[in-house]
Amino acid sequence: MAQEDAEPVRRTRGWAIAELSKEDLEIFGFSELEERIEALQSEIARVRAQLDRKHAGRAAADAIFFKSS
């Protein structure tokens, strides 16, 4: 019952990558490390795609609000 009364843990932005970087890699085997690299590369691609969407949105807003004369 004590755990039900406790407040949920509040995590800040970027907590997952911070925790991931603290993990001991010595305990992983070759295949696990390769899988980890693939997962991280997929995450990098996902972040880059989001960044591209944000750049496109910013460029569209700039085109509307900052038209050059």
Protein backbone atom coordinates (compact mmCIF):
# COMPACT_ATOMS: atom_id res chain seq x y z
CA MET A 1 0.00 0.00 0.00
CA ALA A 2 2.86 2.39 0.63
CA GLN A 3 3.84 2.33 -3.03
CA GLU A 4 0.32 3.29 -4.08
CA ASP A 5 0.52 6.43 -1.95
CA ALA A 6 3.89 7.47 -3.37
CA GLU A 7 3.99 10.08 -6.12
CA PRO A 8 4.99 8.84 -9.56
CA VAL A 9 8.58 9.42 -10.55
CA ARG A 10 8.87 12.57 -12.64
CA ARG A 11 11.42 12.31 -15.38
CA THR A 12 12.95 15.19 -17.22
CA ARG A 13 13.49 15.36 -20.97
CA GLY A 14 16.37 13.24 -22.09
CA TRP A 15 16.36 11.00 -19.02
CA ALA A 16 16.35 7.81 -21.14
CA ILE A 17 19.52 8.69 -23.04
CA ALA A 18 21.19 9.73 -19.79
CA GLU A 19 20.33 6.39 -18.18
CA LEU A 20 21.38 4.51 -21.30
CA SER A 21 24.79 6.13 -21.29
CA LYS A 22 25.41 4.95 -17.71
CA GLU A 23 24.81 1.29 -18.53
CA ASP A 24 27.78 -1.07 -18.19
CA LEU A 25 28.55 -2.35 -21.70
CA GLU A 26 30.93 -5.02 -20.43
CA ILE A 27 28.01 -7.32 -19.61
CA PHE A 28 26.76 -7.38 -23.22
CA GLY A 29 27.81 -9.93 -25.83
CA PHE A 30 28.66 -9.25 -29.46
CA SER A 31 25.12 -9.76 -30.79
CA GLU A 32 23.61 -7.66 -28.00
CA LEU A 33 25.99 -4.81 -28.74
CA GLU A 34 25.21 -5.02 -32.46
CA GLU A 35 21.47 -4.95 -31.68
CA ARG A 36 22.05 -1.94 -29.46
CA ILE A 37 23.87 -0.13 -32.26
CA GLU A 38 21.00 -0.90 -34.68
CA ALA A 39 18.46 0.41 -32.15
CA LEU A 40 20.49 3.57 -31.59
CA GLN A 41 20.89 4.14 -35.34
CA SER A 42 17.12 3.76 -35.73
CA GLU A 43 16.60 6.31 -32.98
CA ILE A 44 19.06 8.68 -34.66
CA ALA A 45 17.10 8.35 -37.91
CA ARG A 46 13.85 9.05 -36.05
CA VAL A 47 15.33 12.15 -34.40
CA ARG A 48 16.77 13.40 -37.71
CA ALA A 49 13.36 12.97 -39.38
CA GLN A 50 11.73 15.02 -36.61
CA LEU A 51 14.42 17.65 -36.93
CA ASP A 52 13.81 17.82 -40.70
CA ARG A 53 10.06 18.29 -40.06
CA LYS A 54 10.79 21.10 -37.61
CA HIS A 55 13.17 22.79 -40.06
CA ALA A 56 10.52 22.56 -42.80
CA GLY A 57 7.88 24.02 -40.49
CA ARG A 58 10.19 26.83 -39.49
CA ALA A 59 11.07 27.58 -43.13
CA ALA A 60 7.37 27.68 -44.02
CA ALA A 61 6.63 30.07 -41.15
CA ASP A 62 9.60 32.25 -42.08
CA ALA A 63 8.36 32.38 -45.68
CA ILE A 64 4.96 33.61 -44.52
CA PHE A 65 5.98 36.05 -41.82
CA PHE A 66 9.33 37.31 -43.08
CA LYS A 67 8.73 37.85 -46.78
CA SER A 68 11.54 39.88 -48.28
CA SER A 69 10.53 42.96 -50.20
